[in-house]
Amino acid sequence: MKRVKLIVAYDGTNYQGWQIQKNGETIESVLNRVLRELTGEADIHVLGASRTDAGVHAMGNVAVFDTRMRMPGDKFVYALNQRLPEDIRIQHSCQVPSDFHPRYQNTVKLYEYRILNREFPLPAYRLNTYFIYRPLDEERMQQAADYLTGEHDFKSFCAAGAQVKTTVRTIYTLEAVRDGELITIRITGNGFLYNMVRIIAGTLIKIGQGEWEPEYIQEILAAKDRRLAGPTAPAKGLTLTGIFYPDS
């Protein structure tokens, strides 16, 4: 028995998120099915590093599975990509120690939230970018973002119903960068609460539209009350860009 690690990229538009759900197809269910067909092993279950929500995309989610198949770990990428649908592609595969778990160790996660800020939508961006016609001031968004870096209690930026031991997290970097009509909110941290990145995006959008001042972020953090933060931005604008393991 060996453990194989996968770097998984996907367009989440047609899926009910990563984790297996009763109400539709998920990334996890597709990977399980294809791996079982490939290996002939009915007991294969992938373990994912990030349980992305319905409609969220990824360029570098991480998953592992255990198999008795003799195929070298670095060859699974080719075998799987011949069998997976076009909106899921493995970027890398390799054998890892049997005790490697993608969630239960130190990680740095990188997310990007994309906003198309112009008068009219562009069809080519419709599946992976949130369209906003009202002008956004990315400098105000960056001023607000600076208050969120470092270690904080992010309870105000966590969706209701999340079951976690603590809502304290550390954001290493957070920037709002404009490239023409495209604004990208790029964030790295040691972990994120349920809908945390999308709530941060929704809050920065309100500040970028001039509805709140950048300093209001401090009040939101101190309150530890989800009602004070902005709306949860739509899932389609969010991409899990990568997950890194500093200790590996």
C-alpha atoms as a PDB file:
ATOM      1  CA  MET A   1       0.000   0.000   0.000  1.00  0.00           C
ATOM      2  CA  LYS A   2       1.316   3.455  -0.882  1.00  0.00           C
ATOM      3  CA  ARG A   3       0.030   7.012  -0.557  1.00  0.00           C
ATOM      4  CA  VAL A   4      -0.083   9.267  -3.621  1.00  0.00           C
ATOM      5  CA  LYS A   5      -0.437  13.050  -3.573  1.00  0.00           C
ATOM      6  CA  LEU A   6      -2.297  14.924  -6.316  1.00  0.00           C
ATOM      7  CA  ILE A   7      -2.284  18.607  -7.229  1.00  0.00           C
ATOM      8  CA  VAL A   8      -5.799  19.181  -8.571  1.00  0.00           C
ATOM      9  CA  ALA A   9      -7.065  22.024 -10.773  1.00  0.00           C
ATOM     10  CA  TYR A  10     -10.740  22.433 -11.587  1.00  0.00           C
ATOM     11  CA  ASP A  11     -13.452  24.726 -12.828  1.00  0.00           C
ATOM     12  CA  GLY A  12     -16.021  24.493 -10.046  1.00  0.00           C
ATOM     13  CA  THR A  13     -18.946  25.867 -12.071  1.00  0.00           C
ATOM     14  CA  ASN A  14     -20.733  22.554 -12.548  1.00  0.00           C
ATOM     15  CA  TYR A  15     -19.951  21.038  -9.139  1.00  0.00           C
ATOM     16  CA  GLN A  16     -21.437  21.196  -5.655  1.00  0.00           C
ATOM     17  CA  GLY A  17     -18.030  21.909  -4.173  1.00  0.00           C
ATOM     18  CA  TRP A  18     -15.228  19.527  -3.215  1.00  0.00           C
ATOM     19  CA  GLN A  19     -16.842  17.369  -0.558  1.00  0.00           C
ATOM     20  CA  ILE A  20     -19.291  14.579  -1.436  1.00  0.00           C
ATOM     21  CA  GLN A  21     -22.896  15.819  -1.299  1.00  0.00           C
ATOM     22  CA  LYS A  22     -26.268  14.118  -1.679  1.00  0.00           C
ATOM     23  CA  ASN A  23     -27.584  16.825  -4.013  1.00  0.00           C
ATOM     24  CA  GLY A  24     -25.134  16.587  -6.893  1.00  0.00           C
ATOM     25  CA  GLU A  25     -21.719  15.847  -8.355  1.00  0.00           C
ATOM     26  CA  THR A  26     -18.598  17.023  -6.511  1.00  0.00           C
ATOM     27  CA  ILE A  27     -14.866  17.060  -7.249  1.00  0.00           C
ATOM     28  CA  GLU A  28     -14.279  14.411  -4.587  1.00  0.00           C
ATOM     29  CA  SER A  29     -16.934  12.066  -5.983  1.00  0.00           C
ATOM     30  CA  VAL A  30     -15.505  12.308  -9.509  1.00  0.00           C
ATOM     31  CA  LEU A  31     -11.948  11.617  -8.303  1.00  0.00           C
ATOM     32  CA  ASN A  32     -13.102   8.650  -6.223  1.00  0.00           C
ATOM     33  CA  ARG A  33     -14.991   7.152  -9.152  1.00  0.00           C
ATOM     34  CA  VAL A  34     -12.169   7.581 -11.667  1.00  0.00           C
ATOM     35  CA  LEU A  35      -9.525   6.266  -9.256  1.00  0.00           C
ATOM     36  CA  ARG A  36     -11.629   3.187  -8.512  1.00  0.00           C
ATOM     37  CA  GLU A  37     -12.035   2.527 -12.227  1.00  0.00           C
ATOM     38  CA  LEU A  38      -8.304   3.005 -12.826  1.00  0.00           C
ATOM     39  CA  THR A  39      -7.039   0.859  -9.950  1.00  0.00           C
ATOM     40  CA  GLY A  40      -9.848  -1.677  -9.680  1.00  0.00           C
ATOM     41  CA  GLU A  41      -9.957  -0.962  -5.935  1.00  0.00           C
ATOM     42  CA  ALA A  42     -13.431  -0.280  -4.565  1.00  0.00           C
ATOM     43  CA  ASP A  43     -12.235   1.189  -1.265  1.00  0.00           C
ATOM     44  CA  ILE A  44     -10.346   4.261  -2.556  1.00  0.00           C
ATOM     45  CA  HIS A  45     -11.282   7.587  -0.964  1.00  0.00           C
ATOM     46  CA  VAL A  46      -9.366  10.807  -1.608  1.00  0.00           C
ATOM     47  CA  LEU A  47      -8.545  13.180   1.249  1.00  0.00           C
ATOM     48  CA  GLY A  48      -8.573  16.837   0.205  1.00  0.00           C
ATOM     49  CA  ALA A  49      -6.669  19.724   1.765  1.00  0.00           C
ATOM     50  CA  SER A  50      -9.397  22.314   1.150  1.00  0.00           C
ATOM     51  CA  ARG A  51     -13.137  21.628   0.958  1.00  0.00           C
ATOM     52  CA  THR A  52     -13.963  24.364  -1.524  1.00  0.00           C
ATOM     53  CA  ASP A  53     -17.605  25.446  -1.801  1.00  0.00           C
ATOM     54  CA  ALA A  54     -19.963  24.977  -4.731  1.00  0.00           C
ATOM     55  CA  GLY A  55     -18.856  27.098  -7.686  1.00  0.00           C
ATOM     56  CA  VAL A  56     -15.354  27.813  -6.341  1.00  0.00           C
ATOM     57  CA  HIS A  57     -12.398  27.034  -8.610  1.00  0.00           C
ATOM     58  CA  ALA A  58      -8.898  25.728  -7.954  1.00  0.00           C
ATOM     59  CA  MET A  59      -5.522  25.738  -9.630  1.00  0.00           C
ATOM     60  CA  GLY A  60      -3.733  23.849  -6.867  1.00  0.00           C
ATOM     61  CA  ASN A  61      -5.865  21.978  -4.373  1.00  0.00           C
ATOM     62  CA  VAL A  62      -4.076  19.019  -2.783  1.00  0.00           C
ATOM     63  CA  ALA A  63      -5.439  15.506  -2.255  1.00  0.00           C
ATOM     64  CA  VAL A  64      -4.040  12.110  -1.299  1.00  0.00           C
ATOM     65  CA  PHE A  65      -5.233   8.524  -1.691  1.00  0.00           C
ATOM     66  CA  ASP A  66      -3.939   5.077  -0.749  1.00  0.00           C
ATOM     67  CA  THR A  67      -3.590   2.349  -3.347  1.00  0.00           C
ATOM     68  CA  ARG A  68      -2.112  -1.115  -3.871  1.00  0.00           C
ATOM     69  CA  MET A  69      -1.574  -0.402  -7.573  1.00  0.00           C
ATOM     70  CA  ARG A  70       2.056  -0.762  -8.676  1.00  0.00           C
ATOM     71  CA  MET A  71       1.982   2.270 -10.976  1.00  0.00           C
ATOM     72  CA  PRO A  72       4.677   4.776  -9.913  1.00  0.00           C
ATOM     73  CA  GLY A  73       3.293   7.825  -8.117  1.00  0.00           C
ATOM     74  CA  ASP A  74       4.451  10.251 -10.796  1.00  0.00           C
ATOM     75  CA  LYS A  75       2.545   8.378 -13.532  1.00  0.00           C
ATOM     76  CA  PHE A  76      -0.920   8.768 -12.016  1.00  0.00           C
ATOM     77  CA  VAL A  77      -1.173  12.313 -13.404  1.00  0.00           C
ATOM     78  CA  TYR A  78      -1.129  10.967 -16.970  1.00  0.00           C
ATOM     79  CA  ALA A  79      -3.494   8.061 -16.355  1.00  0.00           C
ATOM     80  CA  LEU A  80      -6.041  10.200 -14.525  1.00  0.00           C
ATOM     81  CA  ASN A  81      -6.056  13.055 -17.031  1.00  0.00           C
ATOM     82  CA  GLN A  82      -6.998  10.600 -19.780  1.00  0.00           C
ATOM     83  CA  ARG A  83     -10.116   9.657 -17.819  1.00  0.00           C
ATOM     84  CA  LEU A  84     -11.233  12.850 -16.049  1.00  0.00           C
ATOM     85  CA  PRO A  85     -13.717  15.372 -17.504  1.00  0.00           C
ATOM     86  CA  GLU A  86     -12.276  18.483 -19.125  1.00  0.00           C
ATOM     87  CA  ASP A  87     -13.071  20.711 -16.139  1.00  0.00           C
ATOM     88  CA  ILE A  88     -10.866  18.658 -13.762  1.00  0.00           C
ATOM     89  CA  ARG A  89      -7.155  18.187 -14.438  1.00  0.00           C
ATOM     90  CA  ILE A  90      -4.340  16.803 -12.278  1.00  0.00           C
ATOM     91  CA  GLN A  91      -1.256  19.036 -12.391  1.00  0.00           C
ATOM     92  CA  HIS A  92       1.190  16.775 -10.549  1.00  0.00           C
ATOM     93  CA  SER A  93       1.310  13.427  -8.772  1.00  0.00           C
ATOM     94  CA  CYS A  94       3.909  11.791  -6.556  1.00  0.00           C
ATOM     95  CA  GLN A  95       4.298   9.225  -3.796  1.00  0.00           C
ATOM     96  CA  VAL A  96       4.459  10.644  -0.259  1.00  0.00           C
ATOM     97  CA  PRO A  97       5.007   9.094   3.197  1.00  0.00           C
ATOM     98  CA  SER A  98       2.047   7.052   4.445  1.00  0.00           C
ATOM     99  CA  ASP A  99       1.454   9.497   7.321  1.00  0.00           C
ATOM    100  CA  PHE A 100       1.244  12.593   5.083  1.00  0.00           C
ATOM    101  CA  HIS A 101      -2.179  14.222   5.567  1.00  0.00           C
ATOM    102  CA  PRO A 102      -3.046  17.272   3.419  1.00  0.00           C
ATOM    103  CA  ARG A 103      -5.006  19.037   6.194  1.00  0.00           C
ATOM    104  CA  TYR A 104      -3.322  18.194   9.481  1.00  0.00           C
ATOM    105  CA  GLN A 105       0.001  20.009   9.169  1.00  0.00           C
ATOM    106  CA  ASN A 106       1.378  23.495   8.693  1.00  0.00           C
ATOM    107  CA  THR A 107       0.218  25.021   5.426  1.00  0.00           C
ATOM    108  CA  VAL A 108       0.156  28.312   3.581  1.00  0.00           C
ATOM    109  CA  LYS A 109      -2.918  28.735   1.393  1.00  0.00           C
ATOM    110  CA  LEU A 110      -3.174  31.217  -1.460  1.00  0.00           C
ATOM    111  CA  TYR A 111      -6.561  32.385  -2.740  1.00  0.00           C
ATOM    112  CA  GLU A 112      -7.457  34.914  -5.417  1.00  0.00           C
ATOM    113  CA  TYR A 113     -10.769  36.701  -5.824  1.00  0.00           C
ATOM    114  CA  ARG A 114     -11.291  38.263  -9.258  1.00  0.00           C
ATOM    115  CA  ILE A 115     -13.560  41.227  -9.998  1.00  0.00           C
ATOM    116  CA  LEU A 116     -14.355  42.603 -13.447  1.00  0.00           C
ATOM    117  CA  ASN A 117     -14.984  46.311 -12.893  1.00  0.00           C
ATOM    118  CA  ARG A 118     -16.419  47.950 -16.010  1.00  0.00           C
ATOM    119  CA  GLU A 119     -19.700  49.242 -17.410  1.00  0.00           C
ATOM    120  CA  PHE A 120     -20.804  45.997 -19.096  1.00  0.00           C
ATOM    121  CA  PRO A 121     -19.980  42.306 -18.537  1.00  0.00           C
ATOM    122  CA  LEU A 122     -17.624  40.356 -20.796  1.00  0.00           C
ATOM    123  CA  PRO A 123     -18.837  36.814 -21.567  1.00  0.00           C
ATOM    124  CA  ALA A 124     -15.334  35.336 -21.406  1.00  0.00           C
ATOM    125  CA  TYR A 125     -15.152  36.235 -17.700  1.00  0.00           C
ATOM    126  CA  ARG A 126     -18.624  35.050 -16.727  1.00  0.00           C
ATOM    127  CA  LEU A 127     -17.611  31.776 -15.047  1.00  0.00           C
ATOM    128  CA  ASN A 128     -14.595  32.801 -12.963  1.00  0.00           C
ATOM    129  CA  THR A 129     -14.965  36.525 -12.230  1.00  0.00           C
ATOM    130  CA  TYR A 130     -17.490  38.630 -10.312  1.00  0.00           C
ATOM    131  CA  PHE A 131     -18.813  41.510 -12.427  1.00  0.00           C
ATOM    132  CA  ILE A 132     -19.365  44.896 -10.747  1.00  0.00           C
ATOM    133  CA  TYR A 133     -20.349  47.928 -12.808  1.00  0.00           C
ATOM    134  CA  ARG A 134     -20.018  50.530 -10.028  1.00  0.00           C
ATOM    135  CA  PRO A 135     -16.500  52.024  -9.920  1.00  0.00           C
ATOM    136  CA  LEU A 136     -14.192  50.521  -7.304  1.00  0.00           C
ATOM    137  CA  ASP A 137     -11.310  52.368  -5.665  1.00  0.00           C
ATOM    138  CA  GLU A 138      -8.594  49.752  -5.242  1.00  0.00           C
ATOM    139  CA  GLU A 139      -6.495  52.110  -3.097  1.00  0.00           C
ATOM    140  CA  ARG A 140      -9.260  52.293  -0.484  1.00  0.00           C
ATOM    141  CA  MET A 141      -9.581  48.512  -0.689  1.00  0.00           C
ATOM    142  CA  GLN A 142      -5.858  48.138  -0.037  1.00  0.00           C
ATOM    143  CA  GLN A 143      -5.986  50.509   2.930  1.00  0.00           C
ATOM    144  CA  ALA A 144      -8.714  48.340   4.439  1.00  0.00           C
ATOM    145  CA  ALA A 145      -6.849  45.133   3.592  1.00  0.00           C
ATOM    146  CA  ASP A 146      -3.822  46.307   5.575  1.00  0.00           C
ATOM    147  CA  TYR A 147      -5.883  46.189   8.784  1.00  0.00           C
ATOM    148  CA  LEU A 148      -6.580  42.497   8.219  1.00  0.00           C
ATOM    149  CA  THR A 149      -3.000  41.265   7.925  1.00  0.00           C
ATOM    150  CA  GLY A 150      -1.471  39.512  10.917  1.00  0.00           C
ATOM    151  CA  GLU A 151      -3.098  37.333  13.562  1.00  0.00           C
ATOM    152  CA  HIS A 152      -6.684  38.244  14.458  1.00  0.00           C
ATOM    153  CA  ASP A 153      -9.916  36.727  15.647  1.00  0.00           C
ATOM    154  CA  PHE A 154     -11.852  36.565  12.363  1.00  0.00           C
ATOM    155  CA  LYS A 155     -15.195  35.602  13.886  1.00  0.00           C
ATOM    156  CA  SER A 156     -16.859  38.531  12.074  1.00  0.00           C
ATOM    157  CA  PHE A 157     -15.645  37.023   8.787  1.00  0.00           C
ATOM    158  CA  CYS A 158     -16.944  33.495   9.411  1.00  0.00           C
ATOM    159  CA  ALA A 159     -20.277  32.225   8.110  1.00  0.00           C
ATOM    160  CA  ALA A 160     -22.794  31.117  10.709  1.00  0.00           C
ATOM    161  CA  GLY A 161     -22.819  27.453  11.598  1.00  0.00           C
ATOM    162  CA  ALA A 162     -19.096  26.812  11.194  1.00  0.00           C
ATOM    163  CA  GLN A 163     -17.782  24.234  13.664  1.00  0.00           C
ATOM    164  CA  VAL A 164     -14.232  25.208  14.594  1.00  0.00           C
ATOM    165  CA  LYS A 165     -12.214  25.180  17.816  1.00  0.00           C
ATOM    166  CA  THR A 166     -11.012  28.737  17.290  1.00  0.00           C
ATOM    167  CA  THR A 167     -11.718  31.595  14.883  1.00  0.00           C
ATOM    168  CA  VAL A 168      -8.190  32.991  15.244  1.00  0.00           C
ATOM    169  CA  ARG A 169      -6.247  32.897  11.993  1.00  0.00           C
ATOM    170  CA  THR A 170      -3.148  34.559  10.535  1.00  0.00           C
ATOM    171  CA  ILE A 171      -3.167  36.404   7.218  1.00  0.00           C
ATOM    172  CA  TYR A 172       0.366  36.775   5.860  1.00  0.00           C
ATOM    173  CA  THR A 173      -0.404  38.956   2.852  1.00  0.00           C
ATOM    174  CA  LEU A 174      -3.519  40.631   1.484  1.00  0.00           C
ATOM    175  CA  GLU A 175      -3.514  42.876  -1.547  1.00  0.00           C
ATOM    176  CA  ALA A 176      -6.030  44.384  -3.939  1.00  0.00           C
ATOM    177  CA  VAL A 177      -4.392  44.926  -7.324  1.00  0.00           C
ATOM    178  CA  ARG A 178      -5.929  46.479 -10.429  1.00  0.00           C
ATOM    179  CA  ASP A 179      -4.844  45.504 -13.923  1.00  0.00           C
ATOM    180  CA  GLY A 180      -6.978  47.570 -16.267  1.00  0.00           C
ATOM    181  CA  GLU A 181     -10.589  46.572 -15.618  1.00  0.00           C
ATOM    182  CA  LEU A 182      -9.673  43.522 -13.536  1.00  0.00           C
ATOM    183  CA  ILE A 183      -9.181  43.758  -9.767  1.00  0.00           C
ATOM    184  CA  THR A 184      -7.623  40.764  -8.004  1.00  0.00           C
ATOM    185  CA  ILE A 185      -7.799  40.331  -4.246  1.00  0.00           C
ATOM    186  CA  ARG A 186      -4.883  38.046  -3.397  1.00  0.00           C
ATOM    187  CA  ILE A 187      -4.625  36.558   0.102  1.00  0.00           C
ATOM    188  CA  THR A 188      -2.283  34.116   1.844  1.00  0.00           C
ATOM    189  CA  GLY A 189      -2.786  32.663   5.305  1.00  0.00           C
ATOM    190  CA  ASN A 190      -2.307  29.654   7.547  1.00  0.00           C
ATOM    191  CA  GLY A 191      -5.954  28.667   7.155  1.00  0.00           C
ATOM    192  CA  PHE A 192      -9.349  30.169   6.473  1.00  0.00           C
ATOM    193  CA  LEU A 193     -12.751  29.929   8.128  1.00  0.00           C
ATOM    194  CA  TYR A 194     -15.945  28.962   6.324  1.00  0.00           C
ATOM    195  CA  ASN A 195     -16.588  31.612   3.612  1.00  0.00           C
ATOM    196  CA  MET A 196     -13.885  33.824   5.160  1.00  0.00           C
ATOM    197  CA  VAL A 197     -12.232  34.864   1.892  1.00  0.00           C
ATOM    198  CA  ARG A 198     -15.566  35.615   0.219  1.00  0.00           C
ATOM    199  CA  ILE A 199     -16.724  37.695   3.203  1.00  0.00           C
ATOM    200  CA  ILE A 200     -13.451  39.625   3.159  1.00  0.00           C
ATOM    201  CA  ALA A 201     -13.959  40.217  -0.571  1.00  0.00           C
ATOM    202  CA  GLY A 202     -17.532  41.406  -0.004  1.00  0.00           C
ATOM    203  CA  THR A 203     -16.348  43.770   2.727  1.00  0.00           C
ATOM    204  CA  LEU A 204     -13.517  45.216   0.623  1.00  0.00           C
ATOM    205  CA  ILE A 205     -15.961  45.745  -2.244  1.00  0.00           C
ATOM    206  CA  LYS A 206     -18.240  47.877  -0.055  1.00  0.00           C
ATOM    207  CA  ILE A 207     -15.225  49.933   1.014  1.00  0.00           C
ATOM    208  CA  GLY A 208     -14.052  50.224  -2.588  1.00  0.00           C
ATOM    209  CA  GLN A 209     -17.494  51.563  -3.517  1.00  0.00           C
ATOM    210  CA  GLY A 210     -17.207  54.221  -0.821  1.00  0.00           C
ATOM    211  CA  GLU A 211     -19.978  52.886   1.428  1.00  0.00           C
ATOM    212  CA  TRP A 212     -17.624  52.373   4.384  1.00  0.00           C
ATOM    213  CA  GLU A 213     -14.301  53.888   5.377  1.00  0.00           C
ATOM    214  CA  PRO A 214     -11.200  51.650   5.396  1.00  0.00           C
ATOM    215  CA  GLU A 215     -10.826  52.143   9.160  1.00  0.00           C
ATOM    216  CA  TYR A 216     -14.176  50.433   9.720  1.00  0.00           C
ATOM    217  CA  ILE A 217     -12.322  47.118   9.402  1.00  0.00           C
ATOM    218  CA  GLN A 218     -11.001  47.633  12.932  1.00  0.00           C
ATOM    219  CA  GLU A 219     -14.539  47.910  14.297  1.00  0.00           C
ATOM    220  CA  ILE A 220     -15.627  44.792  12.416  1.00  0.00           C
ATOM    221  CA  LEU A 221     -12.751  42.763  13.856  1.00  0.00           C
ATOM    222  CA  ALA A 222     -13.320  44.003  17.393  1.00  0.00           C
ATOM    223  CA  ALA A 223     -17.053  43.244  17.321  1.00  0.00           C
ATOM    224  CA  LYS A 224     -16.645  39.531  16.493  1.00  0.00           C
ATOM    225  CA  ASP A 225     -20.084  39.736  14.892  1.00  0.00           C
ATOM    226  CA  ARG A 226     -20.765  38.458  11.363  1.00  0.00           C
ATOM    227  CA  ARG A 227     -23.547  41.036  10.916  1.00  0.00           C
ATOM    228  CA  LEU A 228     -21.071  43.922  10.841  1.00  0.00           C
ATOM    229  CA  ALA A 229     -19.003  42.631   7.923  1.00  0.00           C
ATOM    230  CA  GLY A 230     -19.955  42.861   4.263  1.00  0.00           C
ATOM    231  CA  PRO A 231     -21.922  40.316   2.206  1.00  0.00           C
ATOM    232  CA  THR A 232     -20.481  37.007   1.087  1.00  0.00           C
ATOM    233  CA  ALA A 233     -19.185  37.641  -2.434  1.00  0.00           C
ATOM    234  CA  PRO A 234     -20.314  35.126  -5.114  1.00  0.00           C
ATOM    235  CA  ALA A 235     -18.410  31.842  -5.293  1.00  0.00           C
ATOM    236  CA  LYS A 236     -17.501  32.094  -8.977  1.00  0.00           C
ATOM    237  CA  GLY A 237     -14.944  34.849  -8.367  1.00  0.00           C
ATOM    238  CA  LEU A 238     -12.873  32.713  -5.981  1.00  0.00           C
ATOM    239  CA  THR A 239      -9.956  30.458  -6.940  1.00  0.00           C
ATOM    240  CA  LEU A 240      -7.764  28.400  -4.629  1.00  0.00           C
ATOM    241  CA  THR A 241      -4.462  29.121  -6.330  1.00  0.00           C
ATOM    242  CA  GLY A 242      -2.159  26.942  -4.271  1.00  0.00           C
ATOM    243  CA  ILE A 243      -1.396  25.168  -1.007  1.00  0.00           C
ATOM    244  CA  PHE A 244       2.183  25.020   0.282  1.00  0.00           C
ATOM    245  CA  TYR A 245       3.740  22.882   3.019  1.00  0.00           C
ATOM    246  CA  PRO A 246       6.705  24.702   4.583  1.00  0.00           C
ATOM    247  CA  ASP A 247       7.759  21.693   6.675  1.00  0.00           C
ATOM    248  CA  SER A 248       7.794  19.199   3.793  1.00  0.00           C
END
